[in-house]
Amino acid sequence: MPLAKALELAQEYDLDLVEVAANARPPVCKLMDYGKFKYESAMKAREARKNQAHTVIKEMKLRPKIDPHDYDTKKGHVVRFLKQGDKVKITIMFRGREQSRPELGYRLLQRLASDVEDLGFVESNPKQDGRNMIMVLGPHKKKTEAMAEAREAQAARKAEAKANPGKSQNAAESDVEDENSVGEDIVDEVEAPAEASADA
């Protein structure tokens, strides 16, 4: 089709004449709304970026003589990181005479690895690095899968909140009413002996 005819058609339908393949013989052009095309391609690129995952290595530092409660807290952080699809670098820091007992750190790292084996695997075995011992845990599921699950869970929470508007507020009000009724019972019990002593 001649160029003049193509331009005439574009003006008739209020569209743009866009060159699609410049190197083809003859060059290929297309009638389209160029503004809409640019917007849609930008939205596709944005969606692709949203689904893209950057691998992040989180770090958790421990001591060989860690308390059980502190260990549980640190393990909870490691579990959260692995659920989010991130790698976790575990560092055991040795101080003073602890450096002569590296087996304590090794046993602690093995214990942590066995505690979280359903969420992650040992990517790099424990190795001594100066005064530290390092191990890297990798997640079983990929970051993109973890992000997709998190989005689904958030969408489910939003849907539940829309289905039951004010539920959390009503629950809070009923808790306050229960507390008030308990307080009234205590007041009644306190007032009753006072009346009994007045009768006497």
Protein backbone atom coordinates (compact mmCIF):
# COMPACT_ATOMS: atom_id res chain seq x y z
CA MET A 1 0.00 0.00 0.00
CA PRO A 2 1.39 3.44 -0.83
CA LEU A 3 2.41 5.68 2.06
CA ALA A 4 -0.10 8.41 1.17
CA LYS A 5 -2.98 5.88 1.23
CA ALA A 6 -1.80 4.51 4.60
CA LEU A 7 -1.63 8.02 6.09
CA GLU A 8 -5.09 8.77 4.73
CA LEU A 9 -6.48 5.60 6.38
CA ALA A 10 -4.82 6.53 9.68
CA GLN A 11 -6.42 9.99 9.64
CA GLU A 12 -9.80 8.52 8.69
CA TYR A 13 -9.83 6.14 11.70
CA ASP A 14 -8.10 8.67 14.00
CA LEU A 15 -5.14 6.33 14.58
CA ASP A 16 -1.35 6.56 14.24
CA LEU A 17 0.72 4.96 11.49
CA VAL A 18 3.57 3.15 13.30
CA GLU A 19 6.54 1.49 11.59
CA VAL A 20 6.83 -2.02 13.05
CA ALA A 21 9.63 -3.56 10.99
CA ALA A 22 11.89 -0.97 9.36
CA ASN A 23 14.39 -3.49 7.92
CA ALA A 24 11.79 -5.56 6.06
CA ARG A 25 11.33 -5.06 2.32
CA PRO A 26 8.89 -3.37 1.96
CA PRO A 27 8.85 -1.82 5.50
CA VAL A 28 5.93 -2.98 7.65
CA CYS A 29 3.66 -0.39 9.29
CA LYS A 30 0.66 -0.77 11.57
CA LEU A 31 -2.38 1.38 12.35
CA MET A 32 -2.71 1.78 16.12
CA ASP A 33 -3.29 4.19 18.96
CA TYR A 34 0.36 4.85 19.79
CA GLY A 35 -0.35 6.40 23.24
CA LYS A 36 -2.33 3.32 24.29
CA PHE A 37 0.43 1.05 22.92
CA LYS A 38 3.11 2.87 24.94
CA TYR A 39 0.98 2.72 28.10
CA GLU A 40 0.33 -1.02 27.72
CA SER A 41 4.01 -1.79 27.09
CA ALA A 42 4.97 0.27 30.18
CA MET A 43 2.42 -1.68 32.26
CA LYS A 44 3.81 -5.00 30.99
CA ALA A 45 7.36 -3.92 31.89
CA ARG A 46 6.17 -2.84 35.35
CA GLU A 47 4.44 -6.18 35.90
CA ALA A 48 7.61 -8.03 34.83
CA ARG A 49 9.66 -5.98 37.31
CA LYS A 50 7.15 -6.77 40.05
CA ASN A 51 7.54 -10.51 39.45
CA GLN A 52 11.32 -10.22 39.31
CA ALA A 53 13.08 -11.38 42.46
CA HIS A 54 16.39 -10.16 43.83
CA THR A 55 18.21 -12.78 45.86
CA VAL A 56 19.13 -11.32 49.21
CA ILE A 57 21.49 -12.89 51.74
CA LYS A 58 20.34 -12.18 55.28
CA GLU A 59 22.82 -12.63 58.13
CA MET A 60 22.23 -14.00 61.62
CA LYS A 61 25.00 -13.83 64.25
CA LEU A 62 25.16 -16.26 67.17
CA ARG A 63 27.51 -17.03 70.06
CA PRO A 64 28.55 -20.57 71.03
CA LYS A 65 27.10 -20.19 74.56
CA ILE A 66 23.70 -18.87 73.45
CA ASP A 67 20.74 -19.21 75.86
CA PRO A 68 17.84 -21.47 74.77
CA HIS A 69 15.36 -18.55 74.56
CA ASP A 70 17.79 -16.45 72.51
CA TYR A 71 18.39 -19.44 70.24
CA ASP A 72 14.63 -19.82 69.69
CA THR A 73 14.36 -16.11 68.81
CA LYS A 74 17.24 -16.29 66.33
CA LYS A 75 15.82 -19.51 64.86
CA GLY A 76 12.48 -17.73 64.39
CA HIS A 77 14.22 -15.02 62.36
CA VAL A 78 15.97 -17.65 60.22
CA VAL A 79 12.62 -19.41 59.62
CA ARG A 80 11.03 -16.11 58.56
CA PHE A 81 13.88 -15.34 56.14
CA LEU A 82 13.70 -18.83 54.58
CA LYS A 83 9.90 -18.55 54.21
CA GLN A 84 10.43 -15.27 52.35
CA GLY A 85 12.76 -17.12 49.96
CA ASP A 86 15.99 -15.45 51.13
CA LYS A 87 19.34 -17.12 51.77
CA VAL A 88 20.64 -16.91 55.34
CA LYS A 89 24.28 -16.65 56.36
CA ILE A 90 24.76 -17.92 59.92
CA THR A 91 27.87 -16.62 61.70
CA ILE A 92 29.11 -18.02 65.02
CA MET A 93 31.40 -15.51 66.75
CA PHE A 94 34.10 -16.95 69.04
CA ARG A 95 35.75 -14.84 71.74
CA GLY A 96 38.72 -15.57 73.97
CA ARG A 97 39.04 -19.21 75.02
CA GLU A 98 35.95 -20.13 72.94
CA GLN A 99 38.29 -20.17 69.92
CA SER A 100 39.88 -23.37 71.21
CA ARG A 101 36.45 -25.12 71.12
CA PRO A 102 35.23 -24.81 67.50
CA GLU A 103 33.19 -28.02 67.91
CA LEU A 104 30.68 -26.05 70.05
CA GLY A 105 29.96 -23.76 67.10
CA TYR A 106 29.86 -26.67 64.67
CA ARG A 107 27.30 -28.52 66.84
CA LEU A 108 25.18 -25.35 67.14
CA LEU A 109 25.16 -24.87 63.36
CA GLN A 110 24.24 -28.53 62.80
CA ARG A 111 21.40 -28.19 65.33
CA LEU A 112 20.07 -25.08 63.58
CA ALA A 113 20.30 -26.76 60.17
CA SER A 114 18.32 -29.78 61.43
CA ASP A 115 15.70 -27.50 63.07
CA VAL A 116 14.96 -25.69 59.78
CA GLU A 117 15.54 -28.55 57.31
CA ASP A 118 11.87 -28.52 56.19
CA LEU A 119 12.29 -24.87 54.99
CA GLY A 120 15.89 -24.80 53.80
CA PHE A 121 19.03 -26.77 53.07
CA VAL A 122 22.71 -26.29 53.87
CA GLU A 123 24.15 -24.53 50.83
CA SER A 124 27.61 -24.03 52.30
CA ASN A 125 28.87 -26.34 55.06
CA PRO A 126 30.24 -24.80 58.29
CA LYS A 127 33.80 -23.56 57.90
CA GLN A 128 36.13 -21.62 60.19
CA ASP A 129 37.00 -18.10 59.05
CA GLY A 130 39.37 -16.53 61.57
CA ARG A 131 37.43 -16.02 64.81
CA ASN A 132 34.11 -16.83 63.11
CA MET A 133 32.46 -19.97 61.78
CA ILE A 134 30.14 -19.49 58.80
CA MET A 135 27.36 -21.57 57.23
CA VAL A 136 24.91 -20.57 54.47
CA LEU A 137 21.33 -21.89 54.33
CA GLY A 138 19.32 -21.75 51.10
CA PRO A 139 15.49 -21.89 50.89
CA HIS A 140 13.70 -24.85 49.29
CA LYS A 141 11.27 -22.54 47.46
CA LYS A 142 12.31 -19.75 45.14
CA LYS A 143 11.88 -16.08 45.97
CA THR A 144 9.25 -15.65 43.23
CA GLU A 145 7.14 -18.48 44.71
CA ALA A 146 7.42 -16.97 48.20
CA MET A 147 6.42 -13.54 46.87
CA ALA A 148 3.42 -15.04 45.03
CA GLU A 149 2.28 -16.85 48.20
CA ALA A 150 2.64 -13.65 50.23
CA ARG A 151 0.53 -11.72 47.66
CA GLU A 152 -2.15 -14.44 47.72
CA ALA A 153 -2.25 -14.39 51.52
CA GLN A 154 -2.53 -10.58 51.51
CA ALA A 155 -5.36 -10.72 48.95
CA ALA A 156 -7.16 -13.33 51.08
CA ARG A 157 -6.83 -11.11 54.18
CA LYS A 158 -8.20 -8.12 52.24
CA ALA A 159 -11.14 -10.18 50.96
CA GLU A 160 -11.87 -11.40 54.48
CA ALA A 161 -11.73 -7.84 55.82
CA LYS A 162 -14.19 -6.71 53.10
CA ALA A 163 -16.50 -9.65 53.83
CA ASN A 164 -16.51 -8.92 57.59
CA PRO A 165 -16.19 -5.14 57.94
CA GLY A 166 -15.68 -3.96 61.52
CA LYS A 167 -15.14 -7.49 62.83
CA SER A 168 -11.93 -6.61 64.63
CA GLN A 169 -13.56 -3.49 66.11
CA ASN A 170 -16.56 -5.51 67.38
CA ALA A 171 -14.22 -8.12 68.88
CA ALA A 172 -12.32 -5.38 70.71
CA GLU A 173 -15.61 -3.90 72.04
CA SER A 174 -16.80 -7.31 73.30
CA ASP A 175 -13.45 -7.78 75.10
CA VAL A 176 -13.88 -4.40 76.80
CA GLU A 177 -17.45 -5.34 77.84
CA ASP A 178 -16.19 -8.63 79.32
CA GLU A 179 -13.54 -6.77 81.31
CA ASN A 180 -16.17 -4.29 82.59
CA SER A 181 -18.48 -7.10 83.68
CA VAL A 182 -15.61 -8.77 85.60
CA GLY A 183 -14.91 -5.43 87.30
CA GLU A 184 -18.60 -5.08 88.29
CA ASP A 185 -18.57 -8.59 89.86
CA ILE A 186 -15.56 -7.62 91.99
CA VAL A 187 -17.25 -4.38 93.09
CA ASP A 188 -20.42 -6.31 94.10
CA GLU A 189 -18.33 -8.74 96.19
CA VAL A 190 -16.54 -5.87 97.93
CA GLU A 191 -19.78 -4.00 98.71
CA ALA A 192 -21.58 -7.06 100.13
CA PRO A 193 -19.37 -7.49 103.25
CA ALA A 194 -19.63 -3.76 103.98
CA GLU A 195 -23.45 -4.06 104.10
CA ALA A 196 -23.20 -7.12 106.36
CA SER A 197 -21.00 -5.22 108.85
CA ALA A 198 -23.51 -2.28 108.85
CA ASP A 199 -26.35 -4.69 109.80
CA ALA A 200 -24.30 -6.03 112.70
